[in-house]
Amino acid sequence: MIGLTVAALLFAVPVGSAAADPKPTLNELAKQVEGMHTEIETLSEQYNGQREKLKTAQKAVDAAQKTLATSETDLAAKHARASLLAQNAYMSGGLNKALAFASAKDPETFLDRAATTYALEQQQGEQVNQLTKAMDTAARARAGAKARIEEVKKIVSDLESKRDKITKLVAKVESNLFKRALGQAGQSGSRAVRVNLPIPGDGKAAAAARWALSQQLKPYVWGAEGPSSYDCSGLVMAAFQRVGISLPHYTGDQWTAGRHISRTEMRPGDLVFFYGDLHHVGIYLGGGMMVHAPQTGDVVRIASIGNRPFAGAVRIAD
């Protein structure tokens, strides 16, 4: 799809040939740019999602390695003790045991001691056996975690091609041609200005919304999470991080991070999501307005939630 969009854009600009295709209208250019913005944001959130998976896989590897190290240390200690028991048994075994029993002043004490030694040997053997199993389990866990992280690294590597496509799309969107086209067509919206909007409420959600408003006019940069620029889910993550709530930098995970509410229940600080694949998110302010990081070439600003296809709302905190 991206290749087709880029190809369409390349052919959209006339090169002066008499046989060139008719010059596209401003509305057509505006629709092409809007499509690119959607692709950029969708690809960006896919990339963010894979980065979150990579973090989880790395934690799994770290945990497995710690478990394995502990198991190996314990196993070494148990093996050392087992070795001492084996040496003791060898030194006191065979004829030595018979002589020791015959010369013992208290045969019953000797037998008690022998029985205890045997029990310890059996217990030690069981401990070593259990630790061997634990070590094998830990090794399998490490192998599984490594396999998982390699899998995710491959996905992220594959997304590098998408990063290149994003970069090319961004360059097209930010070109003077399309800026001028959108401006003339009246499709780019009003010029962003800082709005001092009072947000009622003393809960964490309202505080997150107020902080997000303080970031107005900072540029949208895909994959960014502050402090000088943001993408949509990066702004949400940073705002709630300021009030002590940790959210992943990915719209898909933010969608499942709280309680889903109806549109009529929404209040300042709730998250509002858009499009069928949830690739855009903002922070609701009330009155049908939100603060969000819109798209490449734009800045953090206040906007109506009615400008995009609404997908649902999530309450992260009161």
C-alpha atoms as a PDB file:
ATOM      1  CA  MET A   1       0.000   0.000   0.000  1.00  0.00           C
ATOM      2  CA  ILE A   2       2.773   2.391   0.945  1.00  0.00           C
ATOM      3  CA  GLY A   3       4.624   1.760  -2.288  1.00  0.00           C
ATOM      4  CA  LEU A   4       1.505   2.535  -4.256  1.00  0.00           C
ATOM      5  CA  THR A   5       0.935   5.743  -2.284  1.00  0.00           C
ATOM      6  CA  VAL A   6       4.512   6.919  -2.812  1.00  0.00           C
ATOM      7  CA  ALA A   7       4.334   5.978  -6.482  1.00  0.00           C
ATOM      8  CA  ALA A   8       1.106   7.903  -6.835  1.00  0.00           C
ATOM      9  CA  LEU A   9       2.706  10.934  -5.252  1.00  0.00           C
ATOM     10  CA  LEU A  10       5.752  10.738  -7.499  1.00  0.00           C
ATOM     11  CA  PHE A  11       3.524  10.835 -10.524  1.00  0.00           C
ATOM     12  CA  ALA A  12       1.285  13.498  -8.999  1.00  0.00           C
ATOM     13  CA  VAL A  13       3.779  16.289  -9.730  1.00  0.00           C
ATOM     14  CA  PRO A  14       3.936  17.240 -13.448  1.00  0.00           C
ATOM     15  CA  VAL A  15       7.403  17.291 -14.981  1.00  0.00           C
ATOM     16  CA  GLY A  16       6.593  19.657 -17.823  1.00  0.00           C
ATOM     17  CA  SER A  17       5.927  17.085 -20.522  1.00  0.00           C
ATOM     18  CA  ALA A  18       3.058  17.731 -22.860  1.00  0.00           C
ATOM     19  CA  ALA A  19       1.998  14.139 -22.368  1.00  0.00           C
ATOM     20  CA  ALA A  20       2.014  14.391 -18.557  1.00  0.00           C
ATOM     21  CA  ASP A  21      -1.049  13.275 -16.628  1.00  0.00           C
ATOM     22  CA  PRO A  22      -3.518  16.024 -15.677  1.00  0.00           C
ATOM     23  CA  LYS A  23      -2.426  17.965 -12.618  1.00  0.00           C
ATOM     24  CA  PRO A  24      -4.215  16.637  -9.527  1.00  0.00           C
ATOM     25  CA  THR A  25      -6.633  18.937  -7.790  1.00  0.00           C
ATOM     26  CA  LEU A  26      -5.818  20.318  -4.356  1.00  0.00           C
ATOM     27  CA  ASN A  27      -8.505  18.103  -2.864  1.00  0.00           C
ATOM     28  CA  GLU A  28      -6.871  15.049  -4.418  1.00  0.00           C
ATOM     29  CA  LEU A  29      -3.476  16.072  -3.054  1.00  0.00           C
ATOM     30  CA  ALA A  30      -5.032  16.676   0.352  1.00  0.00           C
ATOM     31  CA  LYS A  31      -6.551  13.192   0.358  1.00  0.00           C
ATOM     32  CA  GLN A  32      -3.204  11.672  -0.602  1.00  0.00           C
ATOM     33  CA  VAL A  33      -1.481  13.505   2.241  1.00  0.00           C
ATOM     34  CA  GLU A  34      -4.186  12.416   4.669  1.00  0.00           C
ATOM     35  CA  GLY A  35      -3.621   8.830   3.560  1.00  0.00           C
ATOM     36  CA  MET A  36       0.108   9.189   4.158  1.00  0.00           C
ATOM     37  CA  HIS A  37      -0.491  10.559   7.644  1.00  0.00           C
ATOM     38  CA  THR A  38      -2.621   7.519   8.437  1.00  0.00           C
ATOM     39  CA  GLU A  39       0.063   5.159   7.127  1.00  0.00           C
ATOM     40  CA  ILE A  40       2.801   6.945   9.066  1.00  0.00           C
ATOM     41  CA  GLU A  41       0.863   6.715  12.317  1.00  0.00           C
ATOM     42  CA  THR A  42      -0.145   3.098  11.745  1.00  0.00           C
ATOM     43  CA  LEU A  43       3.436   2.055  10.990  1.00  0.00           C
ATOM     44  CA  SER A  44       4.695   4.056  13.974  1.00  0.00           C
ATOM     45  CA  GLU A  45       2.350   2.295  16.395  1.00  0.00           C
ATOM     46  CA  GLN A  46       3.290  -1.098  14.931  1.00  0.00           C
ATOM     47  CA  TYR A  47       6.909  -0.210  15.606  1.00  0.00           C
ATOM     48  CA  ASN A  48       6.055   0.947  19.144  1.00  0.00           C
ATOM     49  CA  GLY A  49       4.238  -2.326  19.772  1.00  0.00           C
ATOM     50  CA  GLN A  50       7.235  -4.390  18.720  1.00  0.00           C
ATOM     51  CA  ARG A  51       9.507  -2.328  20.974  1.00  0.00           C
ATOM     52  CA  GLU A  52       7.233  -3.172  23.930  1.00  0.00           C
ATOM     53  CA  LYS A  53       7.409  -6.876  23.052  1.00  0.00           C
ATOM     54  CA  LEU A  54      11.184  -6.623  22.889  1.00  0.00           C
ATOM     55  CA  LYS A  55      11.317  -5.113  26.405  1.00  0.00           C
ATOM     56  CA  THR A  56       9.201  -7.997  27.740  1.00  0.00           C
ATOM     57  CA  ALA A  57      11.383 -10.599  26.041  1.00  0.00           C
ATOM     58  CA  GLN A  58      14.550  -9.012  27.415  1.00  0.00           C
ATOM     59  CA  LYS A  59      13.123  -9.126  30.948  1.00  0.00           C
ATOM     60  CA  ALA A  60      12.311 -12.815  30.455  1.00  0.00           C
ATOM     61  CA  VAL A  61      15.891 -13.512  29.416  1.00  0.00           C
ATOM     62  CA  ASP A  62      17.289 -11.627  32.421  1.00  0.00           C
ATOM     63  CA  ALA A  63      15.016 -13.550  34.816  1.00  0.00           C
ATOM     64  CA  ALA A  64      15.936 -16.891  33.247  1.00  0.00           C
ATOM     65  CA  GLN A  65      19.648 -16.136  33.474  1.00  0.00           C
ATOM     66  CA  LYS A  66      19.349 -15.202  37.160  1.00  0.00           C
ATOM     67  CA  THR A  67      17.464 -18.439  37.851  1.00  0.00           C
ATOM     68  CA  LEU A  68      20.081 -20.428  35.998  1.00  0.00           C
ATOM     69  CA  ALA A  69      22.971 -18.759  37.846  1.00  0.00           C
ATOM     70  CA  THR A  70      21.346 -19.500  41.216  1.00  0.00           C
ATOM     71  CA  SER A  71      20.701 -23.100  40.251  1.00  0.00           C
ATOM     72  CA  GLU A  72      24.266 -23.602  39.079  1.00  0.00           C
ATOM     73  CA  THR A  73      25.686 -22.135  42.321  1.00  0.00           C
ATOM     74  CA  ASP A  74      23.459 -24.314  44.502  1.00  0.00           C
ATOM     75  CA  LEU A  75      24.234 -27.338  42.400  1.00  0.00           C
ATOM     76  CA  ALA A  76      27.978 -26.788  42.742  1.00  0.00           C
ATOM     77  CA  ALA A  77      27.651 -26.540  46.543  1.00  0.00           C
ATOM     78  CA  LYS A  78      25.548 -29.690  46.706  1.00  0.00           C
ATOM     79  CA  HIS A  79      27.992 -31.549  44.488  1.00  0.00           C
ATOM     80  CA  ALA A  80      30.849 -30.526  46.787  1.00  0.00           C
ATOM     81  CA  ARG A  81      29.009 -31.822  49.846  1.00  0.00           C
ATOM     82  CA  ALA A  82      28.084 -35.008  48.018  1.00  0.00           C
ATOM     83  CA  SER A  83      31.732 -35.475  47.077  1.00  0.00           C
ATOM     84  CA  LEU A  84      32.786 -35.183  50.740  1.00  0.00           C
ATOM     85  CA  LEU A  85      30.182 -37.745  51.736  1.00  0.00           C
ATOM     86  CA  ALA A  86      31.413 -40.078  49.014  1.00  0.00           C
ATOM     87  CA  GLN A  87      34.997 -39.706  50.217  1.00  0.00           C
ATOM     88  CA  ASN A  88      33.928 -40.370  53.800  1.00  0.00           C
ATOM     89  CA  ALA A  89      31.993 -43.429  52.749  1.00  0.00           C
ATOM     90  CA  TYR A  90      35.015 -44.704  50.824  1.00  0.00           C
ATOM     91  CA  MET A  91      37.403 -44.110  53.742  1.00  0.00           C
ATOM     92  CA  SER A  92      35.132 -45.919  56.199  1.00  0.00           C
ATOM     93  CA  GLY A  93      33.786 -48.549  53.814  1.00  0.00           C
ATOM     94  CA  GLY A  94      34.470 -52.252  53.316  1.00  0.00           C
ATOM     95  CA  LEU A  95      36.804 -53.885  55.935  1.00  0.00           C
ATOM     96  CA  ASN A  96      37.170 -50.618  57.766  1.00  0.00           C
ATOM     97  CA  LYS A  97      33.456 -50.679  58.584  1.00  0.00           C
ATOM     98  CA  ALA A  98      33.639 -54.223  59.920  1.00  0.00           C
ATOM     99  CA  LEU A  99      36.675 -53.402  62.069  1.00  0.00           C
ATOM    100  CA  ALA A 100      35.065 -50.223  63.274  1.00  0.00           C
ATOM    101  CA  PHE A 101      31.925 -52.126  64.292  1.00  0.00           C
ATOM    102  CA  ALA A 102      33.911 -54.895  66.057  1.00  0.00           C
ATOM    103  CA  SER A 103      36.051 -52.438  67.982  1.00  0.00           C
ATOM    104  CA  ALA A 104      33.267 -50.035  68.872  1.00  0.00           C
ATOM    105  CA  LYS A 105      32.632 -49.671  72.586  1.00  0.00           C
ATOM    106  CA  ASP A 106      28.972 -49.038  71.851  1.00  0.00           C
ATOM    107  CA  PRO A 107      27.798 -51.012  68.791  1.00  0.00           C
ATOM    108  CA  GLU A 108      24.317 -49.470  68.996  1.00  0.00           C
ATOM    109  CA  THR A 109      25.761 -45.925  68.740  1.00  0.00           C
ATOM    110  CA  PHE A 110      27.832 -47.025  65.745  1.00  0.00           C
ATOM    111  CA  LEU A 111      24.748 -48.431  64.031  1.00  0.00           C
ATOM    112  CA  ASP A 112      22.801 -45.214  64.732  1.00  0.00           C
ATOM    113  CA  ARG A 113      25.648 -43.177  63.288  1.00  0.00           C
ATOM    114  CA  ALA A 114      25.871 -45.434  60.245  1.00  0.00           C
ATOM    115  CA  ALA A 115      22.148 -45.216  59.654  1.00  0.00           C
ATOM    116  CA  THR A 116      22.283 -41.406  59.902  1.00  0.00           C
ATOM    117  CA  THR A 117      25.178 -41.274  57.411  1.00  0.00           C
ATOM    118  CA  TYR A 118      23.252 -43.482  54.999  1.00  0.00           C
ATOM    119  CA  ALA A 119      20.160 -41.285  55.360  1.00  0.00           C
ATOM    120  CA  LEU A 120      22.258 -38.168  54.682  1.00  0.00           C
ATOM    121  CA  GLU A 121      23.746 -39.812  51.626  1.00  0.00           C
ATOM    122  CA  GLN A 122      20.287 -40.662  50.327  1.00  0.00           C
ATOM    123  CA  GLN A 123      19.029 -37.141  51.055  1.00  0.00           C
ATOM    124  CA  GLN A 124      22.055 -35.582  49.419  1.00  0.00           C
ATOM    125  CA  GLY A 125      21.533 -37.702  46.343  1.00  0.00           C
ATOM    126  CA  GLU A 126      17.906 -36.575  46.151  1.00  0.00           C
ATOM    127  CA  GLN A 127      18.931 -32.919  46.538  1.00  0.00           C
ATOM    128  CA  VAL A 128      21.467 -33.245  43.755  1.00  0.00           C
ATOM    129  CA  ASN A 129      18.848 -34.939  41.587  1.00  0.00           C
ATOM    130  CA  GLN A 130      16.337 -32.145  42.248  1.00  0.00           C
ATOM    131  CA  LEU A 131      18.889 -29.462  41.531  1.00  0.00           C
ATOM    132  CA  THR A 132      19.912 -31.179  38.326  1.00  0.00           C
ATOM    133  CA  LYS A 133      16.281 -31.059  37.238  1.00  0.00           C
ATOM    134  CA  ALA A 134      16.013 -27.414  38.299  1.00  0.00           C
ATOM    135  CA  MET A 135      19.128 -26.579  36.332  1.00  0.00           C
ATOM    136  CA  ASP A 136      17.744 -28.318  33.280  1.00  0.00           C
ATOM    137  CA  THR A 137      14.476 -26.387  33.656  1.00  0.00           C
ATOM    138  CA  ALA A 138      16.332 -23.089  33.993  1.00  0.00           C
ATOM    139  CA  ALA A 139      18.453 -23.885  30.951  1.00  0.00           C
ATOM    140  CA  ARG A 140      15.322 -24.606  28.933  1.00  0.00           C
ATOM    141  CA  ALA A 141      13.796 -21.340  30.168  1.00  0.00           C
ATOM    142  CA  ARG A 142      16.881 -19.439  29.083  1.00  0.00           C
ATOM    143  CA  ALA A 143      16.872 -21.130  25.687  1.00  0.00           C
ATOM    144  CA  GLY A 144      13.182 -20.338  25.283  1.00  0.00           C
ATOM    145  CA  ALA A 145      13.677 -16.726  26.305  1.00  0.00           C
ATOM    146  CA  LYS A 146      16.606 -16.362  23.922  1.00  0.00           C
ATOM    147  CA  ALA A 147      14.540 -17.818  21.131  1.00  0.00           C
ATOM    148  CA  ARG A 148      11.774 -15.351  21.955  1.00  0.00           C
ATOM    149  CA  ILE A 149      14.090 -12.346  21.972  1.00  0.00           C
ATOM    150  CA  GLU A 150      15.640 -13.422  18.685  1.00  0.00           C
ATOM    151  CA  GLU A 151      12.159 -13.685  17.248  1.00  0.00           C
ATOM    152  CA  VAL A 152      11.241 -10.192  18.398  1.00  0.00           C
ATOM    153  CA  LYS A 153      14.577  -8.782  17.214  1.00  0.00           C
ATOM    154  CA  LYS A 154      13.793 -10.192  13.793  1.00  0.00           C
ATOM    155  CA  ILE A 155      10.410  -8.479  13.851  1.00  0.00           C
ATOM    156  CA  VAL A 156      12.018  -5.192  14.833  1.00  0.00           C
ATOM    157  CA  SER A 157      14.620  -5.687  12.121  1.00  0.00           C
ATOM    158  CA  ASP A 158      11.839  -6.245   9.625  1.00  0.00           C
ATOM    159  CA  LEU A 159      10.264  -3.021  10.817  1.00  0.00           C
ATOM    160  CA  GLU A 160      13.404  -1.142   9.831  1.00  0.00           C
ATOM    161  CA  SER A 161      12.075  -1.266   6.291  1.00  0.00           C
ATOM    162  CA  LYS A 162       8.902   0.337   7.568  1.00  0.00           C
ATOM    163  CA  ARG A 163      11.027   2.987   9.264  1.00  0.00           C
ATOM    164  CA  ASP A 164      12.548   3.799   5.873  1.00  0.00           C
ATOM    165  CA  LYS A 165       9.091   4.036   4.356  1.00  0.00           C
ATOM    166  CA  ILE A 166       7.971   6.293   7.205  1.00  0.00           C
ATOM    167  CA  THR A 167      10.960   8.561   6.602  1.00  0.00           C
ATOM    168  CA  LYS A 168      10.115   8.841   2.913  1.00  0.00           C
ATOM    169  CA  LEU A 169       6.459   9.507   3.666  1.00  0.00           C
ATOM    170  CA  VAL A 170       7.411  12.156   6.225  1.00  0.00           C
ATOM    171  CA  ALA A 171       9.619  13.861   3.662  1.00  0.00           C
ATOM    172  CA  LYS A 172       6.716  13.934   1.212  1.00  0.00           C
ATOM    173  CA  VAL A 173       4.259  15.234   3.804  1.00  0.00           C
ATOM    174  CA  GLU A 174       6.655  17.952   4.934  1.00  0.00           C
ATOM    175  CA  SER A 175       7.495  19.091   1.422  1.00  0.00           C
ATOM    176  CA  ASN A 176       6.538  22.655   0.495  1.00  0.00           C
ATOM    177  CA  LEU A 177       4.363  21.338  -2.312  1.00  0.00           C
ATOM    178  CA  PHE A 178       1.993  19.498   0.000  1.00  0.00           C
ATOM    179  CA  LYS A 179       2.076  22.148   2.701  1.00  0.00           C
ATOM    180  CA  ARG A 180       1.081  24.717   0.117  1.00  0.00           C
ATOM    181  CA  ALA A 181      -1.552  22.407  -1.356  1.00  0.00           C
ATOM    182  CA  LEU A 182      -3.115  21.706   2.015  1.00  0.00           C
ATOM    183  CA  GLY A 183      -3.020  25.356   2.971  1.00  0.00           C
ATOM    184  CA  GLN A 184      -4.724  26.443  -0.240  1.00  0.00           C
ATOM    185  CA  ALA A 185      -7.282  23.677   0.015  1.00  0.00           C
ATOM    186  CA  GLY A 186      -8.085  24.605   3.589  1.00  0.00           C
ATOM    187  CA  GLN A 187      -7.461  21.011   4.627  1.00  0.00           C
ATOM    188  CA  SER A 188      -4.680  21.538   7.169  1.00  0.00           C
ATOM    189  CA  GLY A 189      -6.822  23.033   9.899  1.00  0.00           C
ATOM    190  CA  SER A 190      -6.302  26.301  11.734  1.00  0.00           C
ATOM    191  CA  ARG A 191      -2.859  27.372  12.895  1.00  0.00           C
ATOM    192  CA  ALA A 192      -2.034  25.811  16.254  1.00  0.00           C
ATOM    193  CA  VAL A 193      -2.094  28.193  19.199  1.00  0.00           C
ATOM    194  CA  ARG A 194      -1.566  27.526  22.895  1.00  0.00           C
ATOM    195  CA  VAL A 195      -4.877  27.278  24.738  1.00  0.00           C
ATOM    196  CA  ASN A 196      -5.079  27.777  28.492  1.00  0.00           C
ATOM    197  CA  LEU A 197      -7.931  25.459  29.327  1.00  0.00           C
ATOM    198  CA  PRO A 198      -8.901  24.833  32.972  1.00  0.00           C
ATOM    199  CA  ILE A 199      -9.285  21.129  33.730  1.00  0.00           C
ATOM    200  CA  PRO A 200     -11.544  20.334  36.691  1.00  0.00           C
ATOM    201  CA  GLY A 201     -10.758  17.529  39.116  1.00  0.00           C
ATOM    202  CA  ASP A 202      -7.984  16.689  41.557  1.00  0.00           C
ATOM    203  CA  GLY A 203      -7.415  13.066  40.534  1.00  0.00           C
ATOM    204  CA  LYS A 204      -4.496  11.632  38.608  1.00  0.00           C
ATOM    205  CA  ALA A 205      -6.339  11.574  35.287  1.00  0.00           C
ATOM    206  CA  ALA A 206      -7.134  15.300  35.451  1.00  0.00           C
ATOM    207  CA  ALA A 207      -3.538  16.026  36.492  1.00  0.00           C
ATOM    208  CA  ALA A 208      -2.266  14.026  33.492  1.00  0.00           C
ATOM    209  CA  ALA A 209      -4.536  16.029  31.190  1.00  0.00           C
ATOM    210  CA  ARG A 210      -3.285  19.309  32.638  1.00  0.00           C
ATOM    211  CA  TRP A 211       0.330  18.239  32.129  1.00  0.00           C
ATOM    212  CA  ALA A 212      -0.376  17.167  28.541  1.00  0.00           C
ATOM    213  CA  LEU A 213      -1.770  20.656  27.902  1.00  0.00           C
ATOM    214  CA  SER A 214       1.539  22.104  29.073  1.00  0.00           C
ATOM    215  CA  GLN A 215       3.203  20.310  26.133  1.00  0.00           C
ATOM    216  CA  GLN A 216       1.197  22.207  23.508  1.00  0.00           C
ATOM    217  CA  LEU A 217       3.055  23.300  20.366  1.00  0.00           C
ATOM    218  CA  LYS A 218       5.827  20.716  20.780  1.00  0.00           C
ATOM    219  CA  PRO A 219       6.302  18.887  17.455  1.00  0.00           C
ATOM    220  CA  TYR A 220       4.977  15.490  16.530  1.00  0.00           C
ATOM    221  CA  VAL A 221       7.804  13.041  15.863  1.00  0.00           C
ATOM    222  CA  TRP A 222       6.974   9.387  15.301  1.00  0.00           C
ATOM    223  CA  GLY A 223       8.338   7.121  18.026  1.00  0.00           C
ATOM    224  CA  ALA A 224       9.087  10.092  20.330  1.00  0.00           C
ATOM    225  CA  GLU A 225       8.113  10.172  24.003  1.00  0.00           C
ATOM    226  CA  GLY A 226       9.436  13.580  25.072  1.00  0.00           C
ATOM    227  CA  PRO A 227      10.524  15.814  26.446  1.00  0.00           C
ATOM    228  CA  SER A 228      10.891  17.926  23.289  1.00  0.00           C
ATOM    229  CA  SER A 229       8.618  15.985  20.907  1.00  0.00           C
ATOM    230  CA  TYR A 230       5.986  13.242  20.950  1.00  0.00           C
ATOM    231  CA  ASP A 231       3.927  10.860  18.927  1.00  0.00           C
ATOM    232  CA  CYS A 232       0.350  10.188  20.046  1.00  0.00           C
ATOM    233  CA  SER A 233       0.965   7.264  22.423  1.00  0.00           C
ATOM    234  CA  GLY A 234       4.253   8.822  23.561  1.00  0.00           C
ATOM    235  CA  LEU A 235       2.386  11.924  24.797  1.00  0.00           C
ATOM    236  CA  VAL A 236      -0.119   9.750  26.676  1.00  0.00           C
ATOM    237  CA  MET A 237       2.658   7.660  28.245  1.00  0.00           C
ATOM    238  CA  ALA A 238       4.589  10.760  29.349  1.00  0.00           C
ATOM    239  CA  ALA A 239       1.496  12.471  30.794  1.00  0.00           C
ATOM    240  CA  PHE A 240       0.537   9.543  32.993  1.00  0.00           C
ATOM    241  CA  GLN A 241       4.135   8.885  33.947  1.00  0.00           C
ATOM    242  CA  ARG A 242       4.112  12.380  35.486  1.00  0.00           C
ATOM    243  CA  VAL A 243       1.344  11.299  37.873  1.00  0.00           C
ATOM    244  CA  GLY A 244       2.977   7.975  38.786  1.00  0.00           C
ATOM    245  CA  ILE A 245       1.172   5.684  36.358  1.00  0.00           C
ATOM    246  CA  SER A 246       3.278   3.563  34.009  1.00  0.00           C
ATOM    247  CA  LEU A 247       1.823   2.960  30.549  1.00  0.00           C
ATOM    248  CA  PRO A 248       3.469   1.290  27.546  1.00  0.00           C
ATOM    249  CA  HIS A 249       4.370   3.368  24.511  1.00  0.00           C
ATOM    250  CA  TYR A 250       1.856   1.632  22.260  1.00  0.00           C
ATOM    251  CA  THR A 251      -1.802   2.372  21.536  1.00  0.00           C
ATOM    252  CA  GLY A 252      -2.696  -1.324  21.460  1.00  0.00           C
ATOM    253  CA  ASP A 253      -1.499  -1.830  25.042  1.00  0.00           C
ATOM    254  CA  GLN A 254      -2.895   1.489  26.245  1.00  0.00           C
ATOM    255  CA  TRP A 255      -6.292   0.344  24.953  1.00  0.00           C
ATOM    256  CA  THR A 256      -6.199  -2.577  27.416  1.00  0.00           C
ATOM    257  CA  ALA A 257      -4.576  -0.679  30.310  1.00  0.00           C
ATOM    258  CA  GLY A 258      -7.791   0.549  31.931  1.00  0.00           C
ATOM    259  CA  ARG A 259     -11.582   0.279  32.061  1.00  0.00           C
ATOM    260  CA  HIS A 260     -13.557   0.786  28.874  1.00  0.00           C
ATOM    261  CA  ILE A 261     -16.283   3.393  29.220  1.00  0.00           C
ATOM    262  CA  SER A 262     -19.061   4.710  27.014  1.00  0.00           C
ATOM    263  CA  ARG A 263     -18.797   7.999  25.182  1.00  0.00           C
ATOM    264  CA  THR A 264     -21.376   9.534  27.527  1.00  0.00           C
ATOM    265  CA  GLU A 265     -19.258   8.632  30.584  1.00  0.00           C
ATOM    266  CA  MET A 266     -16.096  10.367  29.386  1.00  0.00           C
ATOM    267  CA  ARG A 267     -14.461  12.973  31.607  1.00  0.00           C
ATOM    268  CA  PRO A 268     -11.130  14.855  31.557  1.00  0.00           C
ATOM    269  CA  GLY A 269      -8.133  12.520  31.607  1.00  0.00           C
ATOM    270  CA  ASP A 270      -9.800   9.564  29.882  1.00  0.00           C
ATOM    271  CA  LEU A 271      -8.046   8.179  26.819  1.00  0.00           C
ATOM    272  CA  VAL A 272      -9.875   8.433  23.509  1.00  0.00           C
ATOM    273  CA  PHE A 273      -8.978   6.109  20.635  1.00  0.00           C
ATOM    274  CA  PHE A 274      -9.627   6.394  16.932  1.00  0.00           C
ATOM    275  CA  TYR A 275      -9.772   4.218  13.800  1.00  0.00           C
ATOM    276  CA  GLY A 276     -10.482   0.505  13.598  1.00  0.00           C
ATOM    277  CA  ASP A 277      -6.890  -0.480  14.309  1.00  0.00           C
ATOM    278  CA  LEU A 278      -6.616   1.971  17.263  1.00  0.00           C
ATOM    279  CA  HIS A 279      -3.577   3.667  15.757  1.00  0.00           C
ATOM    280  CA  HIS A 280      -4.370   7.077  17.254  1.00  0.00           C
ATOM    281  CA  VAL A 281      -4.989   8.151  20.855  1.00  0.00           C
ATOM    282  CA  GLY A 282      -5.572  11.424  22.676  1.00  0.00           C
ATOM    283  CA  ILE A 283      -6.418  12.625  26.189  1.00  0.00           C
ATOM    284  CA  TYR A 284      -9.981  13.835  26.625  1.00  0.00           C
ATOM    285  CA  LEU A 285     -10.486  17.327  28.044  1.00  0.00           C
ATOM    286  CA  GLY A 286     -14.269  17.617  28.091  1.00  0.00           C
ATOM    287  CA  GLY A 287     -16.728  19.368  25.801  1.00  0.00           C
ATOM    288  CA  GLY A 288     -15.888  17.044  22.927  1.00  0.00           C
ATOM    289  CA  MET A 289     -12.249  18.197  22.900  1.00  0.00           C
ATOM    290  CA  MET A 290      -8.944  16.410  23.413  1.00  0.00           C
ATOM    291  CA  VAL A 291      -5.238  17.176  23.531  1.00  0.00           C
ATOM    292  CA  HIS A 292      -3.123  15.007  21.250  1.00  0.00           C
ATOM    293  CA  ALA A 293      -0.036  14.757  19.078  1.00  0.00           C
ATOM    294  CA  PRO A 294      -1.736  14.633  15.661  1.00  0.00           C
ATOM    295  CA  GLN A 295       0.657  13.772  12.853  1.00  0.00           C
ATOM    296  CA  THR A 296       3.932  14.488  11.119  1.00  0.00           C
ATOM    297  CA  GLY A 297       4.412  18.185  10.455  1.00  0.00           C
ATOM    298  CA  ASP A 298       1.990  19.157  13.221  1.00  0.00           C
ATOM    299  CA  VAL A 299       2.345  19.920  16.933  1.00  0.00           C
ATOM    300  CA  VAL A 300       0.697  18.894  20.194  1.00  0.00           C
ATOM    301  CA  ARG A 301      -2.605  20.744  20.191  1.00  0.00           C
ATOM    302  CA  ILE A 302      -6.247  20.750  21.232  1.00  0.00           C
ATOM    303  CA  ALA A 303      -8.716  19.313  18.727  1.00  0.00           C
ATOM    304  CA  SER A 304     -12.254  18.027  18.452  1.00  0.00           C
ATOM    305  CA  ILE A 305     -12.737  14.286  18.879  1.00  0.00           C
ATOM    306  CA  GLY A 306     -15.260  14.480  16.071  1.00  0.00           C
ATOM    307  CA  ASN A 307     -12.587  14.959  13.429  1.00  0.00           C
ATOM    308  CA  ARG A 308     -11.598  11.274  13.430  1.00  0.00           C
ATOM    309  CA  PRO A 309     -13.532   7.976  13.464  1.00  0.00           C
ATOM    310  CA  PHE A 310     -14.060   7.336  17.183  1.00  0.00           C
ATOM    311  CA  ALA A 311     -13.207   3.804  18.375  1.00  0.00           C
ATOM    312  CA  GLY A 312     -13.747   4.028  22.130  1.00  0.00           C
ATOM    313  CA  ALA A 313     -12.603   5.443  25.452  1.00  0.00           C
ATOM    314  CA  VAL A 314     -10.594   4.019  28.348  1.00  0.00           C
ATOM    315  CA  ARG A 315     -10.369   5.249  31.934  1.00  0.00           C
ATOM    316  CA  ILE A 316      -6.869   4.807  33.310  1.00  0.00           C
ATOM    317  CA  ALA A 317      -7.377   6.538  36.661  1.00  0.00           C
ATOM    318  CA  ASP A 318      -9.896   8.597  38.612  1.00  0.00           C
END
